[in-house]
C-alpha atoms as a PDB file:
ATOM      1  CA  MET A   1       0.000   0.000   0.000  1.00  0.00           C
ATOM      2  CA  GLY A   2       1.363   3.406  -0.958  1.00  0.00           C
ATOM      3  CA  LEU A   3       1.821   5.328  -4.196  1.00  0.00           C
ATOM      4  CA  THR A   4       4.660   3.961  -6.297  1.00  0.00           C
ATOM      5  CA  ILE A   5       6.421   4.494  -9.628  1.00  0.00           C
ATOM      6  CA  HIS A   6       7.348   1.480 -11.772  1.00  0.00           C
ATOM      7  CA  TYR A   7       9.997   1.834 -14.473  1.00  0.00           C
ATOM      8  CA  HIS A   8      12.357   0.037 -16.805  1.00  0.00           C
ATOM      9  CA  GLY A   9      14.714   0.911 -19.643  1.00  0.00           C
ATOM     10  CA  ARG A  10      18.363   0.819 -20.647  1.00  0.00           C
ATOM     11  CA  ILE A  11      21.281   3.236 -20.949  1.00  0.00           C
ATOM     12  CA  ASN A  12      21.588   4.656 -24.460  1.00  0.00           C
ATOM     13  CA  ASP A  13      25.395   4.820 -24.464  1.00  0.00           C
ATOM     14  CA  LYS A  14      27.558   2.941 -21.974  1.00  0.00           C
ATOM     15  CA  LEU A  15      30.346   5.466 -22.393  1.00  0.00           C
ATOM     16  CA  LYS A  16      28.056   8.101 -20.841  1.00  0.00           C
ATOM     17  CA  LEU A  17      27.797   6.285 -17.497  1.00  0.00           C
ATOM     18  CA  PRO A  18      30.482   8.387 -15.692  1.00  0.00           C
ATOM     19  CA  GLN A  19      28.761  11.575 -16.880  1.00  0.00           C
ATOM     20  CA  LEU A  20      25.355  10.324 -15.732  1.00  0.00           C
ATOM     21  CA  ILE A  21      26.755   9.471 -12.298  1.00  0.00           C
ATOM     22  CA  GLU A  22      28.502  12.839 -12.018  1.00  0.00           C
ATOM     23  CA  GLU A  23      25.324  14.777 -12.816  1.00  0.00           C
ATOM     24  CA  LEU A  24      23.149  12.779 -10.422  1.00  0.00           C
ATOM     25  CA  GLU A  25      25.736  12.983  -7.652  1.00  0.00           C
ATOM     26  CA  GLU A  26      25.779  16.763  -8.018  1.00  0.00           C
ATOM     27  CA  ILE A  27      21.975  16.910  -7.884  1.00  0.00           C
ATOM     28  CA  ALA A  28      21.965  14.750  -4.740  1.00  0.00           C
ATOM     29  CA  ARG A  29      24.532  17.012  -3.068  1.00  0.00           C
ATOM     30  CA  VAL A  30      22.644  20.194  -3.969  1.00  0.00           C
ATOM     31  CA  HIS A  31      19.429  18.831  -2.422  1.00  0.00           C
ATOM     32  CA  ASN A  32      21.240  17.088   0.450  1.00  0.00           C
ATOM     33  CA  TRP A  33      19.956  13.668  -0.617  1.00  0.00           C
ATOM     34  CA  GLU A  34      21.708  10.468   0.343  1.00  0.00           C
ATOM     35  CA  TYR A  35      23.200   8.487  -2.523  1.00  0.00           C
ATOM     36  CA  GLN A  36      25.336   5.449  -3.284  1.00  0.00           C
ATOM     37  CA  ILE A  37      27.644   4.963  -6.243  1.00  0.00           C
ATOM     38  CA  PHE A  38      28.291   1.479  -7.578  1.00  0.00           C
ATOM     39  CA  GLU A  39      30.633   0.625 -10.479  1.00  0.00           C
ATOM     40  CA  ASN A  40      31.250   3.858 -12.392  1.00  0.00           C
ATOM     41  CA  GLU A  41      32.356   2.387 -15.729  1.00  0.00           C
ATOM     42  CA  PHE A  42      31.170  -0.547 -17.788  1.00  0.00           C
ATOM     43  CA  PRO A  43      33.779  -3.176 -18.737  1.00  0.00           C
ATOM     44  CA  LEU A  44      35.480  -2.351 -22.035  1.00  0.00           C
ATOM     45  CA  LYS A  45      34.429  -5.641 -23.574  1.00  0.00           C
ATOM     46  CA  SER A  46      30.753  -4.820 -22.983  1.00  0.00           C
ATOM     47  CA  ILE A  47      31.200  -1.441 -24.703  1.00  0.00           C
ATOM     48  CA  SER A  48      32.953  -2.741 -27.797  1.00  0.00           C
ATOM     49  CA  LYS A  49      30.482  -2.934 -30.674  1.00  0.00           C
ATOM     50  CA  GLY A  50      32.746  -5.399 -32.418  1.00  0.00           C
ATOM     51  CA  ILE A  51      31.971  -8.159 -29.911  1.00  0.00           C
ATOM     52  CA  LYS A  52      28.415  -9.295 -30.524  1.00  0.00           C
ATOM     53  CA  LYS A  53      28.293 -11.595 -27.514  1.00  0.00           C
ATOM     54  CA  ALA A  54      28.988  -8.706 -25.169  1.00  0.00           C
ATOM     55  CA  ALA A  55      25.888  -6.877 -26.399  1.00  0.00           C
ATOM     56  CA  THR A  56      23.464  -9.751 -25.864  1.00  0.00           C
ATOM     57  CA  PRO A  57      20.670  -9.146 -23.312  1.00  0.00           C
ATOM     58  CA  THR A  58      21.778 -12.133 -21.234  1.00  0.00           C
ATOM     59  CA  LYS A  59      25.274 -10.807 -20.513  1.00  0.00           C
ATOM     60  CA  PHE A  60      25.572 -10.595 -16.743  1.00  0.00           C
ATOM     61  CA  ASP A  61      28.493 -10.384 -14.300  1.00  0.00           C
ATOM     62  CA  GLY A  62      26.578  -9.912 -11.034  1.00  0.00           C
ATOM     63  CA  LEU A  63      27.583  -6.264 -10.597  1.00  0.00           C
ATOM     64  CA  LEU A  64      25.636  -3.011 -10.649  1.00  0.00           C
ATOM     65  CA  TYR A  65      26.752   0.058 -12.589  1.00  0.00           C
ATOM     66  CA  GLY A  66      25.478   3.542 -11.777  1.00  0.00           C
ATOM     67  CA  ILE A  67      24.100   5.465  -8.819  1.00  0.00           C
ATOM     68  CA  LEU A  68      21.264   5.172  -6.309  1.00  0.00           C
ATOM     69  CA  LEU A  69      19.522   8.308  -4.962  1.00  0.00           C
ATOM     70  CA  ILE A  70      17.525   8.410  -1.720  1.00  0.00           C
ATOM     71  CA  PRO A  71      15.281  11.521  -1.509  1.00  0.00           C
ATOM     72  CA  PRO A  72      13.905  12.229   2.006  1.00  0.00           C
ATOM     73  CA  GLY A  73      10.939  10.023   2.837  1.00  0.00           C
ATOM     74  CA  SER A  74      11.231   8.099  -0.405  1.00  0.00           C
ATOM     75  CA  GLU A  75      12.443   4.629  -1.196  1.00  0.00           C
ATOM     76  CA  PRO A  76      15.701   4.573  -3.200  1.00  0.00           C
ATOM     77  CA  VAL A  77      15.539   5.665  -6.835  1.00  0.00           C
ATOM     78  CA  SER A  78      17.719   3.422  -8.979  1.00  0.00           C
ATOM     79  CA  PHE A  79      19.738   4.741 -11.888  1.00  0.00           C
ATOM     80  CA  THR A  80      21.691   1.508 -11.865  1.00  0.00           C
ATOM     81  CA  PHE A  81      22.277  -1.026 -14.619  1.00  0.00           C
ATOM     82  CA  LEU A  82      23.502  -4.521 -15.263  1.00  0.00           C
ATOM     83  CA  GLN A  83      26.393  -5.171 -17.631  1.00  0.00           C
ATOM     84  CA  ASN A  84      23.888  -5.566 -20.483  1.00  0.00           C
ATOM     85  CA  GLY A  85      22.844  -1.920 -19.994  1.00  0.00           C
ATOM     86  CA  LYS A  86      19.370  -2.656 -18.614  1.00  0.00           C
ATOM     87  CA  MET A  87      18.147  -0.832 -15.503  1.00  0.00           C
ATOM     88  CA  CYS A  88      18.222  -3.005 -12.385  1.00  0.00           C
ATOM     89  CA  GLY A  89      18.056  -2.023  -8.709  1.00  0.00           C
ATOM     90  CA  PRO A  90      19.928  -3.554  -5.755  1.00  0.00           C
ATOM     91  CA  MET A  91      16.822  -5.279  -4.421  1.00  0.00           C
ATOM     92  CA  GLN A  92      16.075  -6.842  -7.805  1.00  0.00           C
ATOM     93  CA  LEU A  93      19.664  -8.020  -8.104  1.00  0.00           C
ATOM     94  CA  GLN A  94      19.638  -9.500  -4.607  1.00  0.00           C
ATOM     95  CA  ASN A  95      16.339 -11.323  -5.086  1.00  0.00           C
ATOM     96  CA  TRP A  96      16.678 -12.523  -8.669  1.00  0.00           C
ATOM     97  CA  GLY A  97      20.346 -12.228  -9.620  1.00  0.00           C
ATOM     98  CA  ASP A  98      21.105 -15.892  -8.963  1.00  0.00           C
ATOM     99  CA  SER A  99      18.000 -17.246 -10.648  1.00  0.00           C
ATOM    100  CA  THR A 100      18.471 -19.360 -13.775  1.00  0.00           C
ATOM    101  CA  LYS A 101      14.754 -19.417 -14.633  1.00  0.00           C
ATOM    102  CA  ALA A 102      13.760 -17.151 -17.515  1.00  0.00           C
ATOM    103  CA  LYS A 103      10.369 -16.466 -15.886  1.00  0.00           C
ATOM    104  CA  GLU A 104      12.108 -15.177 -12.756  1.00  0.00           C
ATOM    105  CA  ARG A 105      14.938 -13.336 -14.505  1.00  0.00           C
ATOM    106  CA  LYS A 106      12.455 -10.838 -15.928  1.00  0.00           C
ATOM    107  CA  TYR A 107      11.942  -9.510 -12.393  1.00  0.00           C
ATOM    108  CA  LEU A 108      15.527  -8.210 -12.500  1.00  0.00           C
ATOM    109  CA  TYR A 109      14.306  -5.356 -14.668  1.00  0.00           C
ATOM    110  CA  MET A 110      11.068  -4.490 -12.833  1.00  0.00           C
ATOM    111  CA  ASN A 111      12.196  -1.451 -10.865  1.00  0.00           C
ATOM    112  CA  PHE A 112       9.913   0.457  -8.512  1.00  0.00           C
ATOM    113  CA  THR A 113      10.105   3.241  -5.949  1.00  0.00           C
ATOM    114  CA  LYS A 114       7.455   4.106  -3.352  1.00  0.00           C
ATOM    115  CA  THR A 115       7.175   7.867  -2.882  1.00  0.00           C
ATOM    116  CA  GLN A 116       3.996   7.898  -0.762  1.00  0.00           C
ATOM    117  CA  TYR A 117       5.731   9.095   2.395  1.00  0.00           C
ATOM    118  CA  ALA A 118       7.987  11.566   0.599  1.00  0.00           C
ATOM    119  CA  GLY A 119       5.042  13.758  -0.388  1.00  0.00           C
ATOM    120  CA  PRO A 120       3.966  15.339  -3.682  1.00  0.00           C
ATOM    121  CA  GLU A 121       6.799  17.866  -3.940  1.00  0.00           C
ATOM    122  CA  ILE A 122       9.530  15.233  -3.691  1.00  0.00           C
ATOM    123  CA  HIS A 123       7.571  13.037  -6.085  1.00  0.00           C
ATOM    124  CA  LYS A 124       7.417  15.911  -8.557  1.00  0.00           C
ATOM    125  CA  MET A 125      11.181  16.378  -8.282  1.00  0.00           C
ATOM    126  CA  VAL A 126      11.807  12.666  -8.866  1.00  0.00           C
ATOM    127  CA  ILE A 127       9.615  12.663 -11.972  1.00  0.00           C
ATOM    128  CA  GLY A 128      11.345  15.792 -13.262  1.00  0.00           C
ATOM    129  CA  LEU A 129      14.680  14.089 -12.736  1.00  0.00           C
ATOM    130  CA  PHE A 130      13.537  11.071 -14.723  1.00  0.00           C
ATOM    131  CA  ARG A 131      12.340  13.311 -17.556  1.00  0.00           C
ATOM    132  CA  TYR A 132      15.802  14.835 -17.826  1.00  0.00           C
ATOM    133  CA  ILE A 133      17.697  11.531 -17.521  1.00  0.00           C
ATOM    134  CA  VAL A 134      15.439   9.833 -20.080  1.00  0.00           C
ATOM    135  CA  ASP A 135      16.076  12.635 -22.589  1.00  0.00           C
ATOM    136  CA  HIS A 136      19.858  12.461 -22.195  1.00  0.00           C
ATOM    137  CA  TYR A 137      20.853   8.979 -21.078  1.00  0.00           C
ATOM    138  CA  LEU A 138      18.144   6.331 -21.492  1.00  0.00           C
ATOM    139  CA  LYS A 139      16.283   4.502 -24.238  1.00  0.00           C
ATOM    140  CA  ASP A 140      13.440   1.972 -24.403  1.00  0.00           C
ATOM    141  CA  PHE A 141      12.183   3.624 -21.212  1.00  0.00           C
ATOM    142  CA  GLU A 142       8.703   3.112 -19.790  1.00  0.00           C
ATOM    143  CA  MET A 143       7.153   4.273 -16.542  1.00  0.00           C
ATOM    144  CA  ILE A 144       3.848   3.708 -14.780  1.00  0.00           C
ATOM    145  CA  ASP A 145       3.254   6.400 -12.176  1.00  0.00           C
ATOM    146  CA  GLU A 146       0.473   5.550  -9.723  1.00  0.00           C
ATOM    147  CA  GLU A 147       0.278   9.270  -8.931  1.00  0.00           C
ATOM    148  CA  GLU A 148      -0.261   9.857 -12.708  1.00  0.00           C
ATOM    149  CA  PHE A 149       2.121  12.825 -12.766  1.00  0.00           C
ATOM    150  CA  TRP A 150       4.511  11.215 -15.263  1.00  0.00           C
ATOM    151  CA  GLU A 151       1.633  10.684 -17.687  1.00  0.00           C
ATOM    152  CA  THR A 152      -0.262  13.972 -17.177  1.00  0.00           C
ATOM    153  CA  ASN A 153       2.102  16.536 -15.619  1.00  0.00           C
ATOM    154  CA  ASP A 154      -1.039  17.659 -13.748  1.00  0.00           C
ATOM    155  CA  GLU A 155      -0.055  19.051 -10.334  1.00  0.00           C
ATOM    156  CA  LYS A 156      -3.655  19.273  -9.139  1.00  0.00           C
ATOM    157  CA  LEU A 157      -4.185  15.576  -9.886  1.00  0.00           C
ATOM    158  CA  LEU A 158      -0.869  14.767  -8.190  1.00  0.00           C
ATOM    159  CA  HIS A 159      -1.954  16.430  -4.937  1.00  0.00           C
ATOM    160  CA  GLU A 160      -5.433  14.873  -5.108  1.00  0.00           C
ATOM    161  CA  ASN A 161      -3.964  11.383  -5.531  1.00  0.00           C
ATOM    162  CA  PHE A 162      -1.660  11.900  -2.557  1.00  0.00           C
ATOM    163  CA  ARG A 163      -4.500  13.168  -0.368  1.00  0.00           C
ATOM    164  CA  SER A 164      -6.883  10.339  -1.256  1.00  0.00           C
ATOM    165  CA  ASN A 165      -4.271   7.609  -0.851  1.00  0.00           C
ATOM    166  CA  THR A 166      -3.080   9.030   2.470  1.00  0.00           C
ATOM    167  CA  ALA A 167      -6.690   8.985   3.676  1.00  0.00           C
ATOM    168  CA  LEU A 168      -7.009   5.329   2.624  1.00  0.00           C
ATOM    169  CA  ILE A 169      -3.817   4.369   4.452  1.00  0.00           C
ATOM    170  CA  ASN A 170      -4.860   6.218   7.601  1.00  0.00           C
ATOM    171  CA  GLY A 171      -8.256   4.554   7.441  1.00  0.00           C
ATOM    172  CA  PHE A 172      -6.697   1.107   7.147  1.00  0.00           C
ATOM    173  CA  VAL A 173      -4.302   1.763  10.046  1.00  0.00           C
ATOM    174  CA  ASN A 174      -7.256   2.878  12.141  1.00  0.00           C
ATOM    175  CA  ALA A 175      -9.152  -0.285  11.132  1.00  0.00           C
ATOM    176  CA  LEU A 176      -6.248  -2.419  12.366  1.00  0.00           C
ATOM    177  CA  LYS A 177      -6.227  -0.560  15.676  1.00  0.00           C
ATOM    178  CA  THR A 178      -9.966  -0.765  16.282  1.00  0.00           C
ATOM    179  CA  ASN A 179     -10.503  -4.404  15.262  1.00  0.00           C
ATOM    180  CA  ALA A 180      -9.803  -7.115  17.792  1.00  0.00           C
ATOM    181  CA  LYS A 181      -8.052 -10.290  16.684  1.00  0.00           C
ATOM    182  CA  HIS A 182     -10.229 -13.364  17.179  1.00  0.00           C
ATOM    183  CA  ASP A 183      -8.830 -16.130  19.366  1.00  0.00           C
ATOM    184  CA  GLU A 184      -8.730 -18.617  16.503  1.00  0.00           C
ATOM    185  CA  GLU A 185      -6.969 -16.227  14.120  1.00  0.00           C
ATOM    186  CA  ASP A 186      -3.256 -16.002  13.438  1.00  0.00           C
ATOM    187  CA  VAL A 187      -1.803 -12.600  12.502  1.00  0.00           C
ATOM    188  CA  GLU A 188      -1.998 -13.217   8.747  1.00  0.00           C
ATOM    189  CA  THR A 189      -5.652 -14.296   8.887  1.00  0.00           C
ATOM    190  CA  PHE A 190      -6.484 -11.276  11.066  1.00  0.00           C
ATOM    191  CA  ILE A 191      -4.896  -8.826   8.608  1.00  0.00           C
ATOM    192  CA  ILE A 192      -6.610 -10.448   5.620  1.00  0.00           C
ATOM    193  CA  ARG A 193      -9.975 -10.185   7.363  1.00  0.00           C
ATOM    194  CA  VAL A 194      -9.422  -6.517   8.232  1.00  0.00           C
ATOM    195  CA  ILE A 195      -8.369  -5.748   4.652  1.00  0.00           C
ATOM    196  CA  LYS A 196     -11.491  -7.425   3.286  1.00  0.00           C
ATOM    197  CA  GLU A 197     -13.791  -5.604   5.693  1.00  0.00           C
ATOM    198  CA  PHE A 198     -12.026  -2.299   5.054  1.00  0.00           C
ATOM    199  CA  ARG A 199     -12.403  -2.680   1.282  1.00  0.00           C
ATOM    200  CA  GLU A 200     -16.072  -3.550   1.631  1.00  0.00           C
ATOM    201  CA  ARG A 201     -16.747  -0.496   3.809  1.00  0.00           C
ATOM    202  CA  ASN A 202     -14.776   1.754   1.484  1.00  0.00           C
ATOM    203  CA  SER A 203     -16.629   0.373  -1.546  1.00  0.00           C
ATOM    204  CA  ASP A 204     -20.010   0.947   0.132  1.00  0.00           C
ATOM    205  CA  SER A 205     -18.950   4.488   1.031  1.00  0.00           C
ATOM    206  CA  ASN A 206     -17.903   5.278  -2.543  1.00  0.00           C
ATOM    207  CA  ASN A 207     -21.121   3.804  -3.938  1.00  0.00           C
ATOM    208  CA  GLY A 208     -23.089   6.039  -1.600  1.00  0.00           C
ATOM    209  CA  LYS A 209     -21.239   9.086  -2.851  1.00  0.00           C
ATOM    210  CA  ASP A 210     -21.871   8.090  -6.475  1.00  0.00           C
ATOM    211  CA  GLU A 211     -25.599   7.717  -5.823  1.00  0.00           C
ATOM    212  CA  LYS A 212     -25.784  11.188  -4.259  1.00  0.00           C
ATOM    213  CA  GLU A 213     -23.958  12.674  -7.210  1.00  0.00           C
END
């Protein structure tokens, strides 16, 4: 639960990686954001266009290349890549890097960042940063922004989505506090029951609003 951005893509020129890192490091310092730099140059053999094997999507050495930014209140934002040039975050690498199953390997490239607790202004800055980086350093990039700011650039909608989702989260937390766990329930069963009841109440409430309108 919590508004999140989902993104994937690849670097458009591996030789630009040091420049990308330098620019993002400067931005992080200006805004006093935490950051972490990984490998700052791709291996020469993966850059050479004369070696076809090095450019294949399956090329993988277990390392990350690039930089991770951590805006206040936000989960880390990954501008990090595998040797094949595809975007991949530390969590994805840790969870799926050792997998040999093709169905699981695709999760390596499913990057996401929750910005719910960072607030709309930080979210707007993160999206603006992506717009710049995509224009200068990335290709084959796609993003799904649950706040819808990436797709619309509508600040009013951005703030409305944050307000409504924060209200939903607060309502769910309150539901957990005010519901008693039954003796026969374990914690997981209790939470599932509360979620179901909360969704039903919220659905009934929204239907009531629609009828009045």
